[in-house]
Amino acid sequence: MKSAITTHVLDTSIGRPAENVAAVLDRVTETGTERMGQSATNADGRITDLLDGPLDLGRYRITFDTASYFEGRGVPCFFPEVSISFEVKDASQHHHVPLLLSPFGYSTYRGT
């Protein structure tokens, strides 16, 4: 079963999916954070198994280990990790959070 929260990492510096980027999903609460899952991107740059279970309302954060990814490619990078925070306001919807990545910049958006 596909997770209610998924991601896709594209390395814009080479125009290809970023394979083997480790990521963790945390739920952010008033008292701290709760680890909800972790995984790594597949050959197509996708993670479809971050959340094993139901999706609750609230704030979440996906943190990507970009330093290890670029180190594995022998490329220096400026951002050793990228954290994307977002809020789930409708738990019945799927939430896709893509990351467009290069060694010296990144962007994101709400995907489908």
PDB file of N, CA and C in Angstrom:
ATOM      1  N   MET A   1       0.835  -1.193   0.000  1.00  0.00           N
ATOM      2  CA  MET A   1       0.000   0.000   0.000  1.00  0.00           C
ATOM      3  C   MET A   1       0.875   1.249   0.000  1.00  0.00           C
ATOM      4  N   LYS A   2       0.536   2.210  -0.843  1.00  0.00           N
ATOM      5  CA  LYS A   2       1.304   3.437  -0.936  1.00  0.00           C
ATOM      6  C   LYS A   2       1.012   4.332   0.258  1.00  0.00           C
ATOM      7  N   SER A   3       2.055   4.959   0.760  1.00  0.00           N
ATOM      8  CA  SER A   3       1.969   5.883   1.881  1.00  0.00           C
ATOM      9  C   SER A   3       1.101   7.091   1.513  1.00  0.00           C
ATOM     10  N   ALA A   4       0.449   7.671   2.518  1.00  0.00           N
ATOM     11  CA  ALA A   4      -0.345   8.889   2.311  1.00  0.00           C
ATOM     12  C   ALA A   4       0.543  10.105   2.089  1.00  0.00           C
ATOM     13  N   ILE A   5       1.835   9.970   2.416  1.00  0.00           N
ATOM     14  CA  ILE A   5       2.826  11.016   2.153  1.00  0.00           C
ATOM     15  C   ILE A   5       3.933  10.386   1.318  1.00  0.00           C
ATOM     16  N   THR A   6       4.178  10.958   0.142  1.00  0.00           N
ATOM     17  CA  THR A   6       5.232  10.457  -0.738  1.00  0.00           C
ATOM     18  C   THR A   6       6.116  11.615  -1.178  1.00  0.00           C
ATOM     19  N   THR A   7       7.255  11.274  -1.782  1.00  0.00           N
ATOM     20  CA  THR A   7       8.165  12.296  -2.286  1.00  0.00           C
ATOM     21  C   THR A   7       8.862  11.786  -3.531  1.00  0.00           C
ATOM     22  N   HIS A   8       9.480  12.707  -4.235  1.00  0.00           N
ATOM     23  CA  HIS A   8      10.207  12.417  -5.464  1.00  0.00           C
ATOM     24  C   HIS A   8      11.356  13.417  -5.514  1.00  0.00           C
ATOM     25  N   VAL A   9      12.587  12.938  -5.632  1.00  0.00           N
ATOM     26  CA  VAL A   9      13.751  13.823  -5.653  1.00  0.00           C
ATOM     27  C   VAL A   9      14.368  13.794  -7.047  1.00  0.00           C
ATOM     28  N   LEU A  10      14.457  14.968  -7.648  1.00  0.00           N
ATOM     29  CA  LEU A  10      15.087  15.106  -8.955  1.00  0.00           C
ATOM     30  C   LEU A  10      16.355  15.938  -8.811  1.00  0.00           C
ATOM     31  N   ASP A  11      17.463  15.429  -9.323  1.00  0.00           N
ATOM     32  CA  ASP A  11      18.729  16.152  -9.299  1.00  0.00           C
ATOM     33  C   ASP A  11      18.784  17.004 -10.561  1.00  0.00           C
ATOM     34  N   THR A  12      18.493  18.285 -10.424  1.00  0.00           N
ATOM     35  CA  THR A  12      18.420  19.165 -11.589  1.00  0.00           C
ATOM     36  C   THR A  12      19.795  19.458 -12.181  1.00  0.00           C
ATOM     37  N   SER A  13      20.866  19.165 -11.437  1.00  0.00           N
ATOM     38  CA  SER A  13      22.207  19.410 -11.968  1.00  0.00           C
ATOM     39  C   SER A  13      22.594  18.383 -13.021  1.00  0.00           C
ATOM     40  N   ILE A  14      21.926  17.229 -13.011  1.00  0.00           N
ATOM     41  CA  ILE A  14      22.205  16.197 -14.023  1.00  0.00           C
ATOM     42  C   ILE A  14      20.950  15.831 -14.811  1.00  0.00           C
ATOM     43  N   GLY A  15      19.811  16.424 -14.443  1.00  0.00           N
ATOM     44  CA  GLY A  15      18.575  16.171 -15.163  1.00  0.00           C
ATOM     45  C   GLY A  15      18.055  14.757 -15.005  1.00  0.00           C
ATOM     46  N   ARG A  16      18.252  14.175 -13.808  1.00  0.00           N
ATOM     47  CA  ARG A  16      17.844  12.791 -13.569  1.00  0.00           C
ATOM     48  C   ARG A  16      17.289  12.623 -12.155  1.00  0.00           C
ATOM     49  N   PRO A  17      16.561  11.537 -11.915  1.00  0.00           N
ATOM     50  CA  PRO A  17      16.126  11.242 -10.547  1.00  0.00           C
ATOM     51  C   PRO A  17      17.347  11.032  -9.642  1.00  0.00           C
ATOM     52  N   ALA A  18      17.221  11.424  -8.398  1.00  0.00           N
ATOM     53  CA  ALA A  18      18.294  11.246  -7.413  1.00  0.00           C
ATOM     54  C   ALA A  18      18.052   9.935  -6.664  1.00  0.00           C
ATOM     55  N   GLU A  19      18.879   8.944  -6.942  1.00  0.00           N
ATOM     56  CA  GLU A  19      18.722   7.627  -6.332  1.00  0.00           C
ATOM     57  C   GLU A  19      19.472   7.553  -5.001  1.00  0.00           C
ATOM     58  N   ASN A  20      18.887   6.844  -4.058  1.00  0.00           N
ATOM     59  CA  ASN A  20      19.493   6.553  -2.751  1.00  0.00           C
ATOM     60  C   ASN A  20      19.694   7.803  -1.879  1.00  0.00           C
ATOM     61  N   VAL A  21      18.717   8.689  -1.894  1.00  0.00           N
ATOM     62  CA  VAL A  21      18.714   9.831  -0.970  1.00  0.00           C
ATOM     63  C   VAL A  21      17.908   9.403   0.251  1.00  0.00           C
ATOM     64  N   ALA A  22      18.563   9.339   1.399  1.00  0.00           N
ATOM     65  CA  ALA A  22      17.885   8.964   2.637  1.00  0.00           C
ATOM     66  C   ALA A  22      16.985  10.107   3.097  1.00  0.00           C
ATOM     67  N   ALA A  23      15.819   9.741   3.644  1.00  0.00           N
ATOM     68  CA  ALA A  23      14.878  10.747   4.139  1.00  0.00           C
ATOM     69  C   ALA A  23      14.160  10.213   5.369  1.00  0.00           C
ATOM     70  N   VAL A  24      13.816  11.123   6.264  1.00  0.00           N
ATOM     71  CA  VAL A  24      13.022  10.772   7.442  1.00  0.00           C
ATOM     72  C   VAL A  24      11.793  11.665   7.474  1.00  0.00           C
ATOM     73  N   LEU A  25      10.705  11.094   7.970  1.00  0.00           N
ATOM     74  CA  LEU A  25       9.447  11.832   8.129  1.00  0.00           C
ATOM     75  C   LEU A  25       9.163  11.958   9.611  1.00  0.00           C
ATOM     76  N   ASP A  26       8.999  13.203  10.068  1.00  0.00           N
ATOM     77  CA  ASP A  26       8.654  13.476  11.459  1.00  0.00           C
ATOM     78  C   ASP A  26       7.332  14.220  11.521  1.00  0.00           C
ATOM     79  N   ARG A  27       6.569  13.920  12.555  1.00  0.00           N
ATOM     80  CA  ARG A  27       5.382  14.717  12.864  1.00  0.00           C
ATOM     81  C   ARG A  27       5.808  15.713  13.923  1.00  0.00           C
ATOM     82  N   VAL A  28       5.508  16.984  13.709  1.00  0.00           N
ATOM     83  CA  VAL A  28       5.922  18.051  14.613  1.00  0.00           C
ATOM     84  C   VAL A  28       4.745  18.392  15.518  1.00  0.00           C
ATOM     85  N   THR A  29       4.974  18.285  16.836  1.00  0.00           N
ATOM     86  CA  THR A  29       3.922  18.573  17.806  1.00  0.00           C
ATOM     87  C   THR A  29       4.351  19.731  18.700  1.00  0.00           C
ATOM     88  N   GLU A  30       3.468  20.137  19.591  1.00  0.00           N
ATOM     89  CA  GLU A  30       3.791  21.219  20.526  1.00  0.00           C
ATOM     90  C   GLU A  30       4.905  20.831  21.485  1.00  0.00           C
ATOM     91  N   THR A  31       5.073  19.537  21.711  1.00  0.00           N
ATOM     92  CA  THR A  31       6.077  19.073  22.677  1.00  0.00           C
ATOM     93  C   THR A  31       7.341  18.525  22.026  1.00  0.00           C
ATOM     94  N   GLY A  32       7.422  18.546  20.701  1.00  0.00           N
ATOM     95  CA  GLY A  32       8.618  18.036  20.033  1.00  0.00           C
ATOM     96  C   GLY A  32       8.282  17.386  18.705  1.00  0.00           C
ATOM     97  N   THR A  33       9.010  16.319  18.387  1.00  0.00           N
ATOM     98  CA  THR A  33       8.781  15.609  17.131  1.00  0.00           C
ATOM     99  C   THR A  33       8.616  14.122  17.392  1.00  0.00           C
ATOM    100  N   GLU A  34       7.896  13.476  16.479  1.00  0.00           N
ATOM    101  CA  GLU A  34       7.679  12.034  16.549  1.00  0.00           C
ATOM    102  C   GLU A  34       8.086  11.440  15.203  1.00  0.00           C
ATOM    103  N   ARG A  35       9.028  10.522  15.212  1.00  0.00           N
ATOM    104  CA  ARG A  35       9.472   9.872  13.975  1.00  0.00           C
ATOM    105  C   ARG A  35       8.354   8.986  13.436  1.00  0.00           C
ATOM    106  N   MET A  36       7.947   9.250  12.196  1.00  0.00           N
ATOM    107  CA  MET A  36       6.859   8.509  11.576  1.00  0.00           C
ATOM    108  C   MET A  36       7.352   7.488  10.558  1.00  0.00           C
ATOM    109  N   GLY A  37       8.571   7.706  10.029  1.00  0.00           N
ATOM    110  CA  GLY A  37       9.112   6.768   9.055  1.00  0.00           C
ATOM    111  C   GLY A  37      10.423   7.248   8.487  1.00  0.00           C
ATOM    112  N   GLN A  38      11.080   6.331   7.782  1.00  0.00           N
ATOM    113  CA  GLN A  38      12.316   6.668   7.085  1.00  0.00           C
ATOM    114  C   GLN A  38      12.489   5.709   5.925  1.00  0.00           C
ATOM    115  N   SER A  39      13.177   6.187   4.897  1.00  0.00           N
ATOM    116  CA  SER A  39      13.380   5.381   3.707  1.00  0.00           C
ATOM    117  C   SER A  39      14.443   6.073   2.855  1.00  0.00           C
ATOM    118  N   ALA A  40      14.641   5.568   1.640  1.00  0.00           N
ATOM    119  CA  ALA A  40      15.559   6.180   0.681  1.00  0.00           C
ATOM    120  C   ALA A  40      14.926   6.103  -0.699  1.00  0.00           C
ATOM    121  N   THR A  41      15.303   7.037  -1.551  1.00  0.00           N
ATOM    122  CA  THR A  41      14.744   7.072  -2.895  1.00  0.00           C
ATOM    123  C   THR A  41      15.184   5.859  -3.702  1.00  0.00           C
ATOM    124  N   ASN A  42      14.286   5.408  -4.574  1.00  0.00           N
ATOM    125  CA  ASN A  42      14.585   4.283  -5.452  1.00  0.00           C
ATOM    126  C   ASN A  42      15.271   4.795  -6.731  1.00  0.00           C
ATOM    127  N   ALA A  43      15.444   3.925  -7.712  1.00  0.00           N
ATOM    128  CA  ALA A  43      16.130   4.293  -8.955  1.00  0.00           C
ATOM    129  C   ALA A  43      15.403   5.408  -9.702  1.00  0.00           C
ATOM    130  N   ASP A  44      14.104   5.557  -9.466  1.00  0.00           N
ATOM    131  CA  ASP A  44      13.327   6.614 -10.099  1.00  0.00           C
ATOM    132  C   ASP A  44      13.240   7.861  -9.214  1.00  0.00           C
ATOM    133  N   GLY A  45      13.994   7.879  -8.106  1.00  0.00           N
ATOM    134  CA  GLY A  45      14.011   9.036  -7.212  1.00  0.00           C
ATOM    135  C   GLY A  45      12.801   9.154  -6.307  1.00  0.00           C
ATOM    136  N   ARG A  46      12.021   8.074  -6.190  1.00  0.00           N
ATOM    137  CA  ARG A  46      10.766   8.134  -5.433  1.00  0.00           C
ATOM    138  C   ARG A  46      10.851   7.389  -4.106  1.00  0.00           C
ATOM    139  N   ILE A  47      10.073   7.892  -3.149  1.00  0.00           N
ATOM    140  CA  ILE A  47       9.834   7.187  -1.888  1.00  0.00           C
ATOM    141  C   ILE A  47       8.327   7.097  -1.723  1.00  0.00           C
ATOM    142  N   THR A  48       7.819   5.867  -1.658  1.00  0.00           N
ATOM    143  CA  THR A  48       6.371   5.660  -1.533  1.00  0.00           C
ATOM    144  C   THR A  48       6.001   4.966  -0.227  1.00  0.00           C
ATOM    145  N   ASP A  49       6.985   4.786   0.665  1.00  0.00           N
ATOM    146  CA  ASP A  49       6.725   4.049   1.909  1.00  0.00           C
ATOM    147  C   ASP A  49       7.141   4.817   3.162  1.00  0.00           C
ATOM    148  N   LEU A  50       7.006   6.138   3.149  1.00  0.00           N
ATOM    149  CA  LEU A  50       7.419   6.943   4.308  1.00  0.00           C
ATOM    150  C   LEU A  50       6.501   6.778   5.517  1.00  0.00           C
ATOM    151  N   LEU A  51       5.227   6.633   5.280  1.00  0.00           N
ATOM    152  CA  LEU A  51       4.265   6.563   6.384  1.00  0.00           C
ATOM    153  C   LEU A  51       3.550   5.224   6.336  1.00  0.00           C
ATOM    154  N   ASP A  52       3.734   4.438   7.365  1.00  0.00           N
ATOM    155  CA  ASP A  52       3.077   3.133   7.460  1.00  0.00           C
ATOM    156  C   ASP A  52       1.920   3.253   8.443  1.00  0.00           C
ATOM    157  N   GLY A  53       0.761   3.571   7.942  1.00  0.00           N
ATOM    158  CA  GLY A  53      -0.397   3.735   8.803  1.00  0.00           C
ATOM    159  C   GLY A  53      -1.212   4.930   8.394  1.00  0.00           C
ATOM    160  N   PRO A  54      -2.194   5.282   9.220  1.00  0.00           N
ATOM    161  CA  PRO A  54      -3.094   6.385   8.863  1.00  0.00           C
ATOM    162  C   PRO A  54      -2.404   7.748   8.971  1.00  0.00           C
ATOM    163  N   LEU A  55      -2.929   8.683   8.220  1.00  0.00           N
ATOM    164  CA  LEU A  55      -2.438  10.053   8.235  1.00  0.00           C
ATOM    165  C   LEU A  55      -3.288  10.876   9.188  1.00  0.00           C
ATOM    166  N   ASP A  56      -2.637  11.578  10.097  1.00  0.00           N
ATOM    167  CA  ASP A  56      -3.329  12.456  11.037  1.00  0.00           C
ATOM    168  C   ASP A  56      -3.145  13.905  10.617  1.00  0.00           C
ATOM    169  N   LEU A  57      -4.046  14.754  11.049  1.00  0.00           N
ATOM    170  CA  LEU A  57      -3.905  16.181  10.816  1.00  0.00           C
ATOM    171  C   LEU A  57      -2.701  16.694  11.582  1.00  0.00           C
ATOM    172  N   GLY A  58      -2.084  17.757  11.087  1.00  0.00           N
ATOM    173  CA  GLY A  58      -0.984  18.376  11.810  1.00  0.00           C
ATOM    174  C   GLY A  58       0.188  18.721  10.915  1.00  0.00           C
ATOM    175  N   ARG A  59       1.272  19.106  11.563  1.00  0.00           N
ATOM    176  CA  ARG A  59       2.483  19.515  10.854  1.00  0.00           C
ATOM    177  C   ARG A  59       3.452  18.342  10.749  1.00  0.00           C
ATOM    178  N   TYR A  60       4.096  18.279   9.586  1.00  0.00           N
ATOM    179  CA  TYR A  60       5.064  17.223   9.297  1.00  0.00           C
ATOM    180  C   TYR A  60       6.327  17.852   8.726  1.00  0.00           C
ATOM    181  N   ARG A  61       7.403  17.067   8.744  1.00  0.00           N
ATOM    182  CA  ARG A  61       8.668  17.522   8.166  1.00  0.00           C
ATOM    183  C   ARG A  61       9.370  16.322   7.537  1.00  0.00           C
ATOM    184  N   ILE A  62       9.787  16.487   6.291  1.00  0.00           N
ATOM    185  CA  ILE A  62      10.640  15.496   5.637  1.00  0.00           C
ATOM    186  C   ILE A  62      12.037  16.082   5.583  1.00  0.00           C
ATOM    187  N   THR A  63      13.023  15.340   6.086  1.00  0.00           N
ATOM    188  CA  THR A  63      14.411  15.788   6.066  1.00  0.00           C
ATOM    189  C   THR A  63      15.215  14.841   5.178  1.00  0.00           C
ATOM    190  N   PHE A  64      15.876  15.410   4.187  1.00  0.00           N
ATOM    191  CA  PHE A  64      16.652  14.658   3.210  1.00  0.00           C
ATOM    192  C   PHE A  64      18.146  14.780   3.521  1.00  0.00           C
ATOM    193  N   ASP A  65      18.876  13.675   3.485  1.00  0.00           N
ATOM    194  CA  ASP A  65      20.328  13.663   3.691  1.00  0.00           C
ATOM    195  C   ASP A  65      21.010  13.934   2.358  1.00  0.00           C
ATOM    196  N   THR A  66      21.135  15.196   2.013  1.00  0.00           N
ATOM    197  CA  THR A  66      21.720  15.565   0.725  1.00  0.00           C
ATOM    198  C   THR A  66      23.239  15.463   0.734  1.00  0.00           C
ATOM    199  N   ALA A  67      23.876  15.628   1.895  1.00  0.00           N
ATOM    200  CA  ALA A  67      25.339  15.530   1.961  1.00  0.00           C
ATOM    201  C   ALA A  67      25.815  14.150   1.524  1.00  0.00           C
ATOM    202  N   SER A  68      25.195  13.100   2.029  1.00  0.00           N
ATOM    203  CA  SER A  68      25.612  11.738   1.667  1.00  0.00           C
ATOM    204  C   SER A  68      25.364  11.458   0.189  1.00  0.00           C
ATOM    205  N   TYR A  69      24.242  11.953  -0.335  1.00  0.00           N
ATOM    206  CA  TYR A  69      23.939  11.751  -1.749  1.00  0.00           C
ATOM    207  C   TYR A  69      25.031  12.376  -2.623  1.00  0.00           C
ATOM    208  N   PHE A  70      25.340  13.651  -2.398  1.00  0.00           N
ATOM    209  CA  PHE A  70      26.340  14.327  -3.223  1.00  0.00           C
ATOM    210  C   PHE A  70      27.744  13.783  -2.964  1.00  0.00           C
ATOM    211  N   GLU A  71      28.038  13.428  -1.731  1.00  0.00           N
ATOM    212  CA  GLU A  71      29.335  12.820  -1.429  1.00  0.00           C
ATOM    213  C   GLU A  71      29.520  11.534  -2.230  1.00  0.00           C
ATOM    214  N   GLY A  72      28.461  10.747  -2.335  1.00  0.00           N
ATOM    215  CA  GLY A  72      28.514   9.512  -3.118  1.00  0.00           C
ATOM    216  C   GLY A  72      28.762   9.763  -4.595  1.00  0.00           C
ATOM    217  N   ARG A  73      28.406  10.936  -5.064  1.00  0.00           N
ATOM    218  CA  ARG A  73      28.655  11.320  -6.461  1.00  0.00           C
ATOM    219  C   ARG A  73      29.967  12.059  -6.620  1.00  0.00           C
ATOM    220  N   GLY A  74      30.663  12.333  -5.489  1.00  0.00           N
ATOM    221  CA  GLY A  74      31.924  13.070  -5.556  1.00  0.00           C
ATOM    222  C   GLY A  74      31.735  14.537  -5.879  1.00  0.00           C
ATOM    223  N   VAL A  75      30.605  15.087  -5.435  1.00  0.00           N
ATOM    224  CA  VAL A  75      30.249  16.476  -5.740  1.00  0.00           C
ATOM    225  C   VAL A  75      30.085  17.244  -4.434  1.00  0.00           C
ATOM    226  N   PRO A  76      30.770  18.390  -4.280  1.00  0.00           N
ATOM    227  CA  PRO A  76      30.556  19.192  -3.073  1.00  0.00           C
ATOM    228  C   PRO A  76      29.168  19.836  -3.109  1.00  0.00           C
ATOM    229  N   CYS A  77      28.601  20.047  -1.918  1.00  0.00           N
ATOM    230  CA  CYS A  77      27.300  20.713  -1.865  1.00  0.00           C
ATOM    231  C   CYS A  77      27.282  21.723  -0.723  1.00  0.00           C
ATOM    232  N   PHE A  78      26.390  22.665  -0.817  1.00  0.00           N
ATOM    233  CA  PHE A  78      26.268  23.724   0.178  1.00  0.00           C
ATOM    234  C   PHE A  78      25.281  23.367   1.276  1.00  0.00           C
ATOM    235  N   PHE A  79      24.224  22.639   0.937  1.00  0.00           N
ATOM    236  CA  PHE A  79      23.185  22.274   1.893  1.00  0.00           C
ATOM    237  C   PHE A  79      23.339  20.801   2.274  1.00  0.00           C
ATOM    238  N   PRO A  80      23.851  20.487   3.480  1.00  0.00           N
ATOM    239  CA  PRO A  80      24.058  19.093   3.869  1.00  0.00           C
ATOM    240  C   PRO A  80      22.758  18.331   4.123  1.00  0.00           C
ATOM    241  N   GLU A  81      21.690  19.062   4.367  1.00  0.00           N
ATOM    242  CA  GLU A  81      20.376  18.447   4.482  1.00  0.00           C
ATOM    243  C   GLU A  81      19.339  19.466   4.070  1.00  0.00           C
ATOM    244  N   VAL A  82      18.204  18.937   3.632  1.00  0.00           N
ATOM    245  CA  VAL A  82      17.080  19.791   3.261  1.00  0.00           C
ATOM    246  C   VAL A  82      15.878  19.318   4.055  1.00  0.00           C
ATOM    247  N   SER A  83      15.250  20.238   4.778  1.00  0.00           N
ATOM    248  CA  SER A  83      14.043  19.926   5.545  1.00  0.00           C
ATOM    249  C   SER A  83      12.874  20.694   4.954  1.00  0.00           C
ATOM    250  N   ILE A  84      11.803  19.964   4.685  1.00  0.00           N
ATOM    251  CA  ILE A  84      10.592  20.572   4.147  1.00  0.00           C
ATOM    252  C   ILE A  84       9.475  20.357   5.158  1.00  0.00           C
ATOM    253  N   SER A  85       8.952  21.451   5.675  1.00  0.00           N
ATOM    254  CA  SER A  85       7.844  21.403   6.629  1.00  0.00           C
ATOM    255  C   SER A  85       6.546  21.722   5.901  1.00  0.00           C
ATOM    256  N   PHE A  86       5.500  21.005   6.262  1.00  0.00           N
ATOM    257  CA  PHE A  86       4.196  21.228   5.633  1.00  0.00           C
ATOM    258  C   PHE A  86       3.100  20.833   6.608  1.00  0.00           C
ATOM    259  N   GLU A  87       1.882  21.271   6.321  1.00  0.00           N
ATOM    260  CA  GLU A  87       0.758  21.005   7.210  1.00  0.00           C
ATOM    261  C   GLU A  87      -0.324  20.199   6.501  1.00  0.00           C
ATOM    262  N   VAL A  88      -0.768  19.141   7.147  1.00  0.00           N
ATOM    263  CA  VAL A  88      -1.863  18.319   6.642  1.00  0.00           C
ATOM    264  C   VAL A  88      -3.146  18.845   7.257  1.00  0.00           C
ATOM    265  N   LYS A  89      -4.037  19.364   6.415  1.00  0.00           N
ATOM    266  CA  LYS A  89      -5.310  19.899   6.881  1.00  0.00           C
ATOM    267  C   LYS A  89      -6.479  19.017   6.483  1.00  0.00           C
ATOM    268  N   ASP A  90      -6.214  18.060   5.577  1.00  0.00           N
ATOM    269  CA  ASP A  90      -7.239  17.114   5.141  1.00  0.00           C
ATOM    270  C   ASP A  90      -6.581  15.740   5.039  1.00  0.00           C
ATOM    271  N   ALA A  91      -6.817  14.909   6.023  1.00  0.00           N
ATOM    272  CA  ALA A  91      -6.156  13.595   6.092  1.00  0.00           C
ATOM    273  C   ALA A  91      -6.668  12.621   5.041  1.00  0.00           C
ATOM    274  N   SER A  92      -7.743  12.965   4.349  1.00  0.00           N
ATOM    275  CA  SER A  92      -8.255  12.078   3.309  1.00  0.00           C
ATOM    276  C   SER A  92      -7.499  12.249   1.988  1.00  0.00           C
ATOM    277  N   GLN A  93      -6.713  13.307   1.868  1.00  0.00           N
ATOM    278  CA  GLN A  93      -5.959  13.580   0.643  1.00  0.00           C
ATOM    279  C   GLN A  93      -4.577  12.946   0.689  1.00  0.00           C
ATOM    280  N   HIS A  94      -4.058  12.623  -0.491  1.00  0.00           N
ATOM    281  CA  HIS A  94      -2.668  12.181  -0.616  1.00  0.00           C
ATOM    282  C   HIS A  94      -1.786  13.432  -0.639  1.00  0.00           C
ATOM    283  N   HIS A  95      -0.627  13.365   0.013  1.00  0.00           N
ATOM    284  CA  HIS A  95       0.291  14.502   0.063  1.00  0.00           C
ATOM    285  C   HIS A  95       1.615  14.091  -0.577  1.00  0.00           C
ATOM    286  N   HIS A  96       1.907  14.690  -1.743  1.00  0.00           N
ATOM    287  CA  HIS A  96       3.147  14.419  -2.467  1.00  0.00           C
ATOM    288  C   HIS A  96       4.024  15.653  -2.363  1.00  0.00           C
ATOM    289  N   VAL A  97       5.257  15.473  -1.866  1.00  0.00           N
ATOM    290  CA  VAL A  97       6.146  16.597  -1.583  1.00  0.00           C
ATOM    291  C   VAL A  97       7.450  16.390  -2.365  1.00  0.00           C
ATOM    292  N   PRO A  98       7.525  16.873  -3.614  1.00  0.00           N
ATOM    293  CA  PRO A  98       8.732  16.695  -4.426  1.00  0.00           C
ATOM    294  C   PRO A  98       9.851  17.643  -4.008  1.00  0.00           C
ATOM    295  N   LEU A  99      11.086  17.232  -4.315  1.00  0.00           N
ATOM    296  CA  LEU A  99      12.271  18.053  -4.066  1.00  0.00           C
ATOM    297  C   LEU A  99      13.070  18.132  -5.357  1.00  0.00           C
ATOM    298  N   LEU A 100      13.295  19.346  -5.828  1.00  0.00           N
ATOM    299  CA  LEU A 100      14.189  19.599  -6.955  1.00  0.00           C
ATOM    300  C   LEU A 100      15.512  20.052  -6.363  1.00  0.00           C
ATOM    301  N   LEU A 101      16.566  19.309  -6.656  1.00  0.00           N
ATOM    302  CA  LEU A 101      17.818  19.438  -5.912  1.00  0.00           C
ATOM    303  C   LEU A 101      19.002  19.682  -6.836  1.00  0.00           C
ATOM    304  N   SER A 102      19.924  20.531  -6.400  1.00  0.00           N
ATOM    305  CA  SER A 102      21.227  20.687  -7.035  1.00  0.00           C
ATOM    306  C   SER A 102      22.239  20.906  -5.905  1.00  0.00           C
ATOM    307  N   PRO A 103      23.527  20.866  -6.189  1.00  0.00           N
ATOM    308  CA  PRO A 103      24.504  21.011  -5.105  1.00  0.00           C
ATOM    309  C   PRO A 103      24.421  22.339  -4.354  1.00  0.00           C
ATOM    310  N   PHE A 104      23.880  23.378  -4.991  1.00  0.00           N
ATOM    311  CA  PHE A 104      23.883  24.692  -4.366  1.00  0.00           C
ATOM    312  C   PHE A 104      22.509  25.351  -4.301  1.00  0.00           C
ATOM    313  N   GLY A 105      21.457  24.542  -4.422  1.00  0.00           N
ATOM    314  CA  GLY A 105      20.116  25.081  -4.325  1.00  0.00           C
ATOM    315  C   GLY A 105      19.072  23.989  -4.357  1.00  0.00           C
ATOM    316  N   TYR A 106      17.843  24.345  -3.979  1.00  0.00           N
ATOM    317  CA  TYR A 106      16.733  23.401  -4.036  1.00  0.00           C
ATOM    318  C   TYR A 106      15.421  24.163  -4.064  1.00  0.00           C
ATOM    319  N   SER A 107      14.379  23.477  -4.515  1.00  0.00           N
ATOM    320  CA  SER A 107      13.025  24.019  -4.442  1.00  0.00           C
ATOM    321  C   SER A 107      12.053  22.872  -4.266  1.00  0.00           C
ATOM    322  N   THR A 108      10.830  23.217  -3.897  1.00  0.00           N
ATOM    323  CA  THR A 108       9.811  22.225  -3.638  1.00  0.00           C
ATOM    324  C   THR A 108       8.443  22.817  -3.961  1.00  0.00           C
ATOM    325  N   TYR A 109       7.434  21.968  -3.968  1.00  0.00           N
ATOM    326  CA  TYR A 109       6.073  22.408  -4.239  1.00  0.00           C
ATOM    327  C   TYR A 109       5.128  21.286  -3.796  1.00  0.00           C
ATOM    328  N   ARG A 110       3.858  21.567  -3.764  1.00  0.00           N
ATOM    329  CA  ARG A 110       2.858  20.535  -3.453  1.00  0.00           C
ATOM    330  C   ARG A 110       2.547  19.818  -4.740  1.00  0.00           C
ATOM    331  N   GLY A 111       2.911  18.558  -4.789  1.00  0.00           N
ATOM    332  CA  GLY A 111       2.666  17.757  -5.982  1.00  0.00           C
ATOM    333  C   GLY A 111       1.337  17.049  -5.923  1.00  0.00           C
ATOM    334  N   THR A 112       1.094  16.196  -6.925  1.00  0.00           N
ATOM    335  CA  THR A 112      -0.153  15.425  -6.982  1.00  0.00           C
ATOM    336  C   THR A 112       0.136  13.956  -6.926  1.00  0.00           C
TER     337      THR A 112
END
